């Protein structure tokens, strides 16, 4: 069941990026200047808490594994998307 949720979320994200017309207009819900990208994300999370939870449980976010080319961490297997500095 989790795989299906992840697959549906992945398809939605791809279609949303590829076909902006499928995404709803948020002009009535979002306004103002944001001090940082994180501020925008926090605003989105106010209405999209379920999507945030789904994403945080997805393979995209949770991957981790060997890091043979990361200096100082050549033998680590616990480094991945969730604990890197640039985790976009």
Foldseek 3Di string as FASTA:
>chain_A
DLVVLLVVLVVVVVCCVVPVVVDDDCPVPDDDDDPDPVRVVVSVCVPPVVSVVSVCPHCLQQDWAADCPDPPRNGDTRDDLPPDPPND
